[in-house]
Amino acid sequence: MDDKLDSVTRRNVVKGIGGLAALSMSNATFGQAQAAMDAPLESDPHTADTYRSIVDAIVPRTPELEAELGPEHVPGGLDIELEKFLIWDFNHFQEIRAEMVSEKLDPAHPLMPRAMFEVEYDLPLLGSTLDGVLDLTDLGLLDLLDLGLDADELEDELTFGSVERFEVSVSDLDADTAEFDVVVETANESTHRVLQNYPYAPVFTLVFDIVAAEFIVRGNNEDPLSANEQFPGGGTFTKLSREDRLRCLWTIVDGSVVDDLDELLSPFVPDLGILKYVVMAVNGLHGFGYYTEWGGYGTTKTDTPTERELQTPAGEVQSRRQSGYPGPADGYAANWRHAVPGGFADPDAENLDLPDDLTGDDVIDGLGGGR
């Protein structure tokens, strides 16, 4: 793709990033979303490449569509560096109040022990990634058998890629909110950051590798594994095909993986229940960031919904160009069909059993005008 085409399509795609703020876990404003996308990526290779592999799976580049549908259908999420916002968002959504953290667990006080937010993982010089995880969790090979996992197979599959040392520690409890030191070392570089929110972004990527290894050992992957040169810093998760990466993430939401791997994952994530929301957010953020009509609202993007105005011609908004949606039109909302072979038609508007008062809801005006 030539530079002219690349810049034009990238500009069209980036129109949709405002929607990221609508579903962000950090309650980011549109301005913060834009700033996160434009700023240099401050992250270690493993974290960056893991999120890049997720972006690539959900919104891949599709050059094969250019001849048929036009150049606006080519760019993917990596073209607008969508992984930058995911990393920023996950690292900014939870402040830990210093007064709620204690040096040790005290049953008499509802405080959280400092150790709950600290992780230190070293790849054993003569061992394996699995050895390091088992040391961290105080589990043994017999515990893995209790989980129904083959220890040898899990050892063969589990890797954190470029990571050789990972450490999160509480660096300051004197301020209102705790600060965290994050150190990630690879064979070639060391990344050290101090964050005022818990560093969930790099922690989640280690979790994804463990879940992916379990996914593979149980034979749930449908495609062969391969070392993906596009994501050289990544671990087990990035070895999965695009489709299997999504299947793997979904086992966190719609499977028992969090319960089964509770003891393996607990040292990495203070609250395992949050993982399901993370996976939902990952899917939603891509959709909002790439496909919404938010970019068409121009200078009214950050106004309240009732005050926003579509300032871009309907046919030029990225999502509408791709979907063929003409914009609000009489009859369109009532007469659309589900895009599933053999799907069902929506009921006619006059047959809908609606309450008399729809104040506050999206209302179809007659048979059209809705979105």
Protein backbone atom coordinates (compact mmCIF):
# COMPACT_ATOMS: atom_id res chain seq x y z
CA MET A 1 0.00 0.00 0.00
CA ASP A 2 1.45 3.37 -0.95
CA ASP A 3 1.97 6.20 1.54
CA LYS A 4 -0.93 8.26 0.22
CA LEU A 5 -3.42 5.42 0.56
CA ASP A 6 -2.01 4.46 3.94
CA SER A 7 -2.36 7.96 5.36
CA VAL A 8 -5.86 8.48 4.01
CA THR A 9 -7.20 5.19 5.32
CA ARG A 10 -5.46 5.66 8.67
CA ARG A 11 -7.14 9.04 9.04
CA ASN A 12 -10.54 7.52 8.30
CA VAL A 13 -10.02 4.70 10.77
CA VAL A 14 -8.83 6.97 13.55
CA LYS A 15 -12.11 8.89 13.36
CA GLY A 16 -13.64 6.16 15.45
CA ILE A 17 -11.33 6.29 18.47
CA GLY A 18 -13.62 8.57 20.42
CA GLY A 19 -15.84 5.59 21.03
CA LEU A 20 -13.07 4.11 23.16
CA ALA A 21 -13.91 6.60 25.87
CA ALA A 22 -17.51 5.41 25.88
CA LEU A 23 -16.56 1.93 27.06
CA SER A 24 -13.19 2.40 28.73
CA MET A 25 -12.59 0.78 32.10
CA SER A 26 -10.85 3.95 33.27
CA ASN A 27 -13.70 6.35 32.41
CA ALA A 28 -11.34 8.07 30.03
CA THR A 29 -12.42 11.24 28.28
CA PHE A 30 -12.16 11.54 24.51
CA GLY A 31 -9.13 13.78 24.99
CA GLN A 32 -7.40 11.16 27.12
CA ALA A 33 -8.16 8.47 24.57
CA GLN A 34 -6.70 10.62 21.81
CA ALA A 35 -3.62 11.47 23.89
CA ALA A 36 -3.02 7.81 24.72
CA MET A 37 -3.19 6.88 21.03
CA ASP A 38 -0.82 9.66 20.00
CA ALA A 39 1.75 9.23 22.78
CA PRO A 40 4.82 6.97 22.48
CA LEU A 41 4.12 3.46 23.71
CA GLU A 42 5.61 3.09 27.18
CA SER A 43 5.64 -0.64 27.66
CA ASP A 44 7.82 -3.73 27.64
CA PRO A 45 7.94 -5.95 24.50
CA HIS A 46 5.88 -8.77 26.01
CA THR A 47 3.01 -6.50 27.04
CA ALA A 48 3.02 -4.57 23.77
CA ASP A 49 3.10 -7.63 21.53
CA THR A 50 0.42 -9.47 23.50
CA TYR A 51 -2.04 -6.60 23.12
CA ARG A 52 -1.01 -6.16 19.49
CA SER A 53 -1.91 -9.81 18.92
CA ILE A 54 -5.34 -9.20 20.46
CA VAL A 55 -5.92 -6.13 18.29
CA ASP A 56 -4.81 -8.13 15.26
CA ALA A 57 -7.28 -10.90 16.08
CA ILE A 58 -10.30 -8.65 16.58
CA VAL A 59 -9.74 -6.07 13.81
CA PRO A 60 -7.21 -7.54 11.35
CA ARG A 61 -6.02 -5.85 8.17
CA THR A 62 -8.05 -7.05 5.20
CA PRO A 63 -6.18 -6.10 1.99
CA GLU A 64 -8.18 -8.71 0.10
CA LEU A 65 -11.24 -6.46 0.38
CA GLU A 66 -9.69 -3.45 -1.36
CA ALA A 67 -10.47 -4.48 -4.93
CA GLU A 68 -14.07 -5.35 -4.13
CA LEU A 69 -15.04 -2.79 -1.48
CA GLY A 70 -12.44 -0.04 -1.58
CA PRO A 71 -9.35 1.06 0.37
CA GLU A 72 -11.35 2.08 3.46
CA HIS A 73 -11.84 -1.64 4.21
CA VAL A 74 -8.10 -2.42 4.38
CA PRO A 75 -6.80 -0.91 7.66
CA GLY A 76 -6.94 -2.87 10.88
CA GLY A 77 -6.60 -1.96 14.51
CA LEU A 78 -2.81 -2.12 14.37
CA ASP A 79 -2.82 0.64 11.75
CA ILE A 80 -4.07 3.08 14.37
CA GLU A 81 -2.00 1.48 17.17
CA LEU A 82 -5.13 0.56 19.09
CA GLU A 83 -3.03 -1.48 21.52
CA LYS A 84 -1.74 1.81 22.97
CA PHE A 85 -5.14 2.67 24.34
CA LEU A 86 -5.73 -0.82 25.74
CA ILE A 87 -2.45 -0.65 27.67
CA TRP A 88 -3.11 2.90 28.88
CA ASP A 89 -6.69 2.11 29.87
CA PHE A 90 -5.89 -1.02 31.88
CA ASN A 91 -3.08 0.79 33.68
CA HIS A 92 -5.33 3.69 34.67
CA PHE A 93 -8.62 2.24 35.85
CA GLN A 94 -7.97 1.39 39.51
CA GLU A 95 -6.34 3.56 42.13
CA ILE A 96 -5.42 1.81 45.36
CA ARG A 97 -6.05 4.02 48.37
CA ALA A 98 -2.97 3.94 50.58
CA GLU A 99 -4.97 3.91 53.80
CA MET A 100 -6.60 0.63 52.71
CA VAL A 101 -3.25 -1.20 52.45
CA SER A 102 -1.53 -2.74 55.44
CA GLU A 103 1.88 -4.37 55.82
CA LYS A 104 0.24 -7.70 56.63
CA LEU A 105 -3.17 -9.33 56.76
CA ASP A 106 -5.03 -8.36 59.91
CA PRO A 107 -8.43 -10.11 60.35
CA ALA A 108 -9.45 -7.40 62.84
CA HIS A 109 -9.28 -4.67 60.17
CA PRO A 110 -10.77 -4.68 56.62
CA LEU A 111 -7.47 -3.72 55.02
CA MET A 112 -5.69 -5.30 52.07
CA PRO A 113 -2.25 -6.78 52.74
CA ARG A 114 0.63 -5.20 50.84
CA ALA A 115 1.60 -8.62 49.46
CA MET A 116 -1.72 -8.74 47.61
CA PHE A 117 -0.35 -6.14 45.18
CA GLU A 118 3.19 -7.42 44.84
CA VAL A 119 4.55 -10.00 42.42
CA GLU A 120 8.13 -11.12 41.86
CA TYR A 121 8.73 -13.66 39.14
CA ASP A 122 12.16 -14.83 37.95
CA LEU A 123 12.71 -17.32 35.18
CA PRO A 124 14.87 -19.97 36.91
CA LEU A 125 18.28 -20.05 35.27
CA LEU A 126 18.25 -23.81 34.99
CA GLY A 127 14.51 -24.36 35.09
CA SER A 128 11.42 -23.53 33.11
CA THR A 129 8.72 -20.89 33.05
CA LEU A 130 6.42 -23.35 34.80
CA ASP A 131 8.97 -23.79 37.61
CA GLY A 132 8.90 -20.05 38.20
CA VAL A 133 5.11 -19.92 38.29
CA LEU A 134 4.89 -22.88 40.67
CA ASP A 135 7.45 -21.25 42.96
CA LEU A 136 5.43 -18.06 42.91
CA THR A 137 2.19 -19.86 43.74
CA ASP A 138 3.63 -22.39 46.20
CA LEU A 139 2.03 -25.16 44.17
CA GLY A 140 3.59 -28.43 43.12
CA LEU A 141 3.24 -30.87 40.25
CA LEU A 142 0.70 -32.89 42.23
CA ASP A 143 -1.49 -29.80 42.48
CA LEU A 144 -1.50 -29.56 38.69
CA LEU A 145 -2.68 -33.16 38.48
CA ASP A 146 -5.54 -32.24 40.80
CA LEU A 147 -6.50 -29.59 38.23
CA GLY A 148 -6.56 -32.23 35.52
CA LEU A 149 -3.48 -30.78 33.81
CA ASP A 150 -0.50 -32.72 32.48
CA ALA A 151 2.51 -31.01 34.08
CA ASP A 152 4.93 -32.04 31.34
CA GLU A 153 2.63 -30.79 28.60
CA LEU A 154 1.98 -27.55 30.46
CA GLU A 155 5.71 -27.03 30.89
CA ASP A 156 6.23 -27.56 27.17
CA GLU A 157 3.57 -24.99 26.25
CA LEU A 158 3.91 -22.25 28.86
CA THR A 159 6.21 -19.37 28.03
CA PHE A 160 6.19 -15.67 28.84
CA GLY A 161 8.14 -14.98 25.68
CA SER A 162 10.79 -12.32 26.14
CA VAL A 163 10.18 -11.88 29.89
CA GLU A 164 12.95 -13.11 32.18
CA ARG A 165 12.05 -11.13 35.27
CA PHE A 166 8.80 -9.43 36.28
CA GLU A 167 8.26 -7.46 39.45
CA VAL A 168 5.49 -5.29 40.83
CA SER A 169 6.06 -3.69 44.21
CA VAL A 170 4.36 -1.01 46.27
CA SER A 171 6.81 1.88 46.27
CA ASP A 172 4.92 4.55 48.22
CA LEU A 173 2.17 4.40 50.83
CA ASP A 174 2.72 7.91 52.16
CA ALA A 175 0.51 9.67 49.61
CA ASP A 176 -3.27 9.38 49.27
CA THR A 177 -2.92 6.69 46.63
CA ALA A 178 -0.33 3.93 46.48
CA GLU A 179 2.38 4.04 43.85
CA PHE A 180 3.74 0.95 42.14
CA ASP A 181 7.15 0.10 40.71
CA VAL A 182 6.97 -2.13 37.65
CA VAL A 183 10.13 -3.80 36.36
CA VAL A 184 10.17 -6.07 33.32
CA GLU A 185 13.49 -7.48 32.19
CA THR A 186 14.24 -9.29 28.95
CA ALA A 187 17.53 -10.60 27.63
CA ASN A 188 18.16 -7.28 25.88
CA GLU A 189 16.47 -4.57 27.89
CA SER A 190 14.88 -3.55 31.17
CA THR A 191 11.69 -1.50 31.48
CA HIS A 192 11.05 0.34 34.75
CA ARG A 193 7.96 2.46 35.37
CA VAL A 194 6.29 4.03 38.38
CA LEU A 195 2.48 4.10 38.16
CA GLN A 196 -0.14 5.67 40.41
CA ASN A 197 -2.61 2.92 39.50
CA TYR A 198 -2.19 -0.82 39.76
CA PRO A 199 -0.34 -2.00 36.60
CA TYR A 200 -2.98 -4.36 35.30
CA ALA A 201 -1.89 -4.15 31.64
CA PRO A 202 1.39 -6.11 31.97
CA VAL A 203 -0.09 -8.40 34.64
CA PHE A 204 -3.00 -9.41 32.40
CA THR A 205 -0.63 -10.49 29.62
CA LEU A 206 1.06 -13.02 31.93
CA VAL A 207 -2.39 -14.33 32.83
CA PHE A 208 -3.28 -14.66 29.15
CA ASP A 209 -0.17 -16.81 28.60
CA ILE A 210 -1.08 -19.15 31.47
CA VAL A 211 -4.68 -19.41 30.25
CA ALA A 212 -3.43 -20.06 26.71
CA ALA A 213 -1.14 -22.87 27.92
CA GLU A 214 -4.08 -24.49 29.73
CA PHE A 215 -6.22 -23.97 26.61
CA ILE A 216 -3.63 -25.82 24.51
CA VAL A 217 -3.02 -28.66 26.99
CA ARG A 218 -6.75 -29.38 27.08
CA GLY A 219 -6.74 -29.54 23.27
CA ASN A 220 -9.13 -26.62 22.82
CA ASN A 221 -7.15 -24.94 20.05
CA GLU A 222 -8.54 -25.67 16.60
CA ASP A 223 -5.52 -24.48 14.61
CA PRO A 224 -1.84 -25.49 14.82
CA LEU A 225 0.46 -23.36 16.97
CA SER A 226 3.14 -21.26 15.33
CA ALA A 227 5.76 -18.77 16.47
CA ASN A 228 4.31 -15.51 15.16
CA GLU A 229 7.12 -13.26 13.89
CA GLN A 230 4.73 -10.32 13.99
CA PHE A 231 4.73 -10.45 17.81
CA PRO A 232 8.27 -11.57 18.77
CA GLY A 233 8.05 -10.38 22.38
CA GLY A 234 4.89 -12.33 23.12
CA GLY A 235 4.48 -15.65 24.90
CA THR A 236 2.19 -18.65 24.59
CA PHE A 237 -0.90 -16.57 23.82
CA THR A 238 0.62 -15.08 20.65
CA LYS A 239 1.35 -18.56 19.26
CA LEU A 240 -2.36 -19.17 18.81
CA SER A 241 -4.09 -18.39 15.53
CA ARG A 242 -6.29 -15.30 15.40
CA GLU A 243 -9.43 -17.35 15.89
CA ASP A 244 -7.93 -19.38 18.73
CA ARG A 245 -6.76 -16.22 20.51
CA LEU A 246 -10.39 -15.13 20.68
CA ARG A 247 -11.60 -18.59 21.69
CA CYS A 248 -8.97 -18.63 24.43
CA LEU A 249 -9.99 -15.23 25.81
CA TRP A 250 -13.62 -16.28 25.79
CA THR A 251 -12.91 -19.26 28.05
CA ILE A 252 -12.26 -16.66 30.76
CA VAL A 253 -15.82 -15.37 30.35
CA ASP A 254 -17.77 -18.47 29.41
CA GLY A 255 -15.75 -21.27 30.96
CA SER A 256 -14.44 -22.45 34.30
CA VAL A 257 -10.84 -21.49 33.60
CA VAL A 258 -10.72 -18.79 36.29
CA ASP A 259 -12.01 -21.23 38.91
CA ASP A 260 -9.81 -24.10 37.72
CA LEU A 261 -6.65 -21.99 37.66
CA ASP A 262 -7.47 -19.92 40.72
CA GLU A 263 -4.29 -20.78 42.61
CA LEU A 264 -2.06 -20.35 39.57
CA LEU A 265 -3.51 -16.95 38.67
CA SER A 266 -4.16 -15.40 42.08
CA PRO A 267 -0.60 -14.10 42.65
CA PHE A 268 -0.80 -12.13 39.41
CA VAL A 269 -4.22 -10.51 39.81
CA PRO A 270 -5.51 -9.13 43.14
CA ASP A 271 -9.13 -9.85 42.14
CA LEU A 272 -9.59 -12.68 39.63
CA GLY A 273 -13.24 -11.76 39.09
CA ILE A 274 -12.13 -8.71 37.17
CA LEU A 275 -10.77 -10.86 34.35
CA LYS A 276 -14.23 -11.45 32.88
CA TYR A 277 -14.86 -7.72 32.67
CA VAL A 278 -11.47 -7.24 31.07
CA VAL A 279 -12.25 -9.67 28.26
CA MET A 280 -15.62 -8.02 27.69
CA ALA A 281 -13.94 -4.62 27.63
CA VAL A 282 -11.27 -5.80 25.18
CA ASN A 283 -13.98 -6.86 22.74
CA GLY A 284 -16.11 -3.77 23.31
CA LEU A 285 -13.28 -1.27 23.08
CA HIS A 286 -12.32 -2.55 19.66
CA GLY A 287 -15.87 -2.28 18.41
CA PHE A 288 -16.40 1.19 19.81
CA GLY A 289 -12.97 2.35 18.77
CA TYR A 290 -13.14 1.13 15.20
CA TYR A 291 -16.72 0.85 14.05
CA THR A 292 -18.82 3.56 15.68
CA GLU A 293 -19.99 6.77 14.02
CA TRP A 294 -18.42 8.80 16.83
CA GLY A 295 -15.93 10.36 14.45
CA GLY A 296 -18.75 11.91 12.47
CA TYR A 297 -19.80 14.09 15.40
CA GLY A 298 -16.84 16.40 14.89
CA THR A 299 -16.56 19.12 17.54
CA THR A 300 -19.65 17.80 19.37
CA LYS A 301 -18.05 14.39 20.20
CA THR A 302 -17.80 15.13 23.90
CA ASP A 303 -21.18 16.83 24.25
CA THR A 304 -24.08 15.03 25.90
CA PRO A 305 -25.83 12.59 23.53
CA THR A 306 -28.82 14.89 23.01
CA GLU A 307 -26.53 17.73 21.92
CA ARG A 308 -24.30 15.84 19.50
CA GLU A 309 -24.67 16.56 15.80
CA LEU A 310 -23.43 14.49 12.88
CA GLN A 311 -21.03 16.93 11.20
CA THR A 312 -19.57 14.51 8.66
CA PRO A 313 -21.67 13.52 5.64
CA ALA A 314 -23.26 10.17 6.43
CA GLY A 315 -21.55 8.39 3.57
CA GLU A 316 -18.06 9.48 4.70
CA VAL A 317 -18.11 8.14 8.26
CA GLN A 318 -15.75 5.13 8.39
CA SER A 319 -18.17 2.66 9.95
CA ARG A 320 -20.97 3.61 7.57
CA ARG A 321 -18.71 3.32 4.53
CA GLN A 322 -17.88 -0.21 5.58
CA SER A 323 -21.38 -1.33 6.53
CA GLY A 324 -23.33 0.46 3.83
CA TYR A 325 -25.59 2.01 6.47
CA PRO A 326 -27.11 5.15 4.94
CA GLY A 327 -27.75 6.95 8.22
CA PRO A 328 -31.15 7.63 9.82
CA ALA A 329 -33.80 6.95 7.21
CA ASP A 330 -37.55 6.34 7.23
CA GLY A 331 -38.27 2.69 7.80
CA TYR A 332 -34.65 1.69 8.23
CA ALA A 333 -34.79 0.89 11.93
CA ALA A 334 -38.01 -1.09 11.65
CA ASN A 335 -37.19 -3.01 8.49
CA TRP A 336 -33.60 -4.22 8.92
CA ARG A 337 -32.83 -7.96 8.86
CA HIS A 338 -30.38 -9.91 10.99
CA ALA A 339 -27.17 -10.65 9.10
CA VAL A 340 -27.42 -14.37 9.77
CA PRO A 341 -28.47 -16.93 7.15
CA GLY A 342 -32.02 -17.93 7.99
CA GLY A 343 -32.25 -15.19 10.59
CA PHE A 344 -35.51 -13.69 11.74
CA ALA A 345 -37.10 -10.44 10.66
CA ASP A 346 -37.87 -7.88 13.33
CA PRO A 347 -41.58 -7.50 14.14
CA ASP A 348 -43.47 -4.67 12.51
CA ALA A 349 -43.43 -1.49 14.60
CA GLU A 350 -47.21 -1.51 15.03
CA ASN A 351 -46.99 -4.98 16.59
CA LEU A 352 -44.47 -4.06 19.25
CA ASP A 353 -45.83 -4.17 22.79
CA LEU A 354 -44.38 -0.93 24.12
CA PRO A 355 -45.22 1.01 27.30
CA ASP A 356 -47.14 4.25 26.91
CA ASP A 357 -44.30 6.38 28.30
CA LEU A 358 -40.94 5.96 26.57
CA THR A 359 -39.35 9.08 28.05
CA GLY A 360 -35.59 8.62 28.27
CA ASP A 361 -35.45 5.75 25.80
CA ASP A 362 -34.39 5.74 22.15
CA VAL A 363 -37.73 6.19 20.39
CA ILE A 364 -38.54 5.27 16.82
CA ASP A 365 -40.41 8.17 15.28
CA GLY A 366 -43.14 6.46 13.29
CA LEU A 367 -41.35 3.77 11.28
CA GLY A 368 -38.01 5.56 10.90
CA GLY A 369 -35.55 8.05 12.19
CA GLY A 370 -33.98 5.59 14.61
CA ARG A 371 -30.46 4.30 14.67
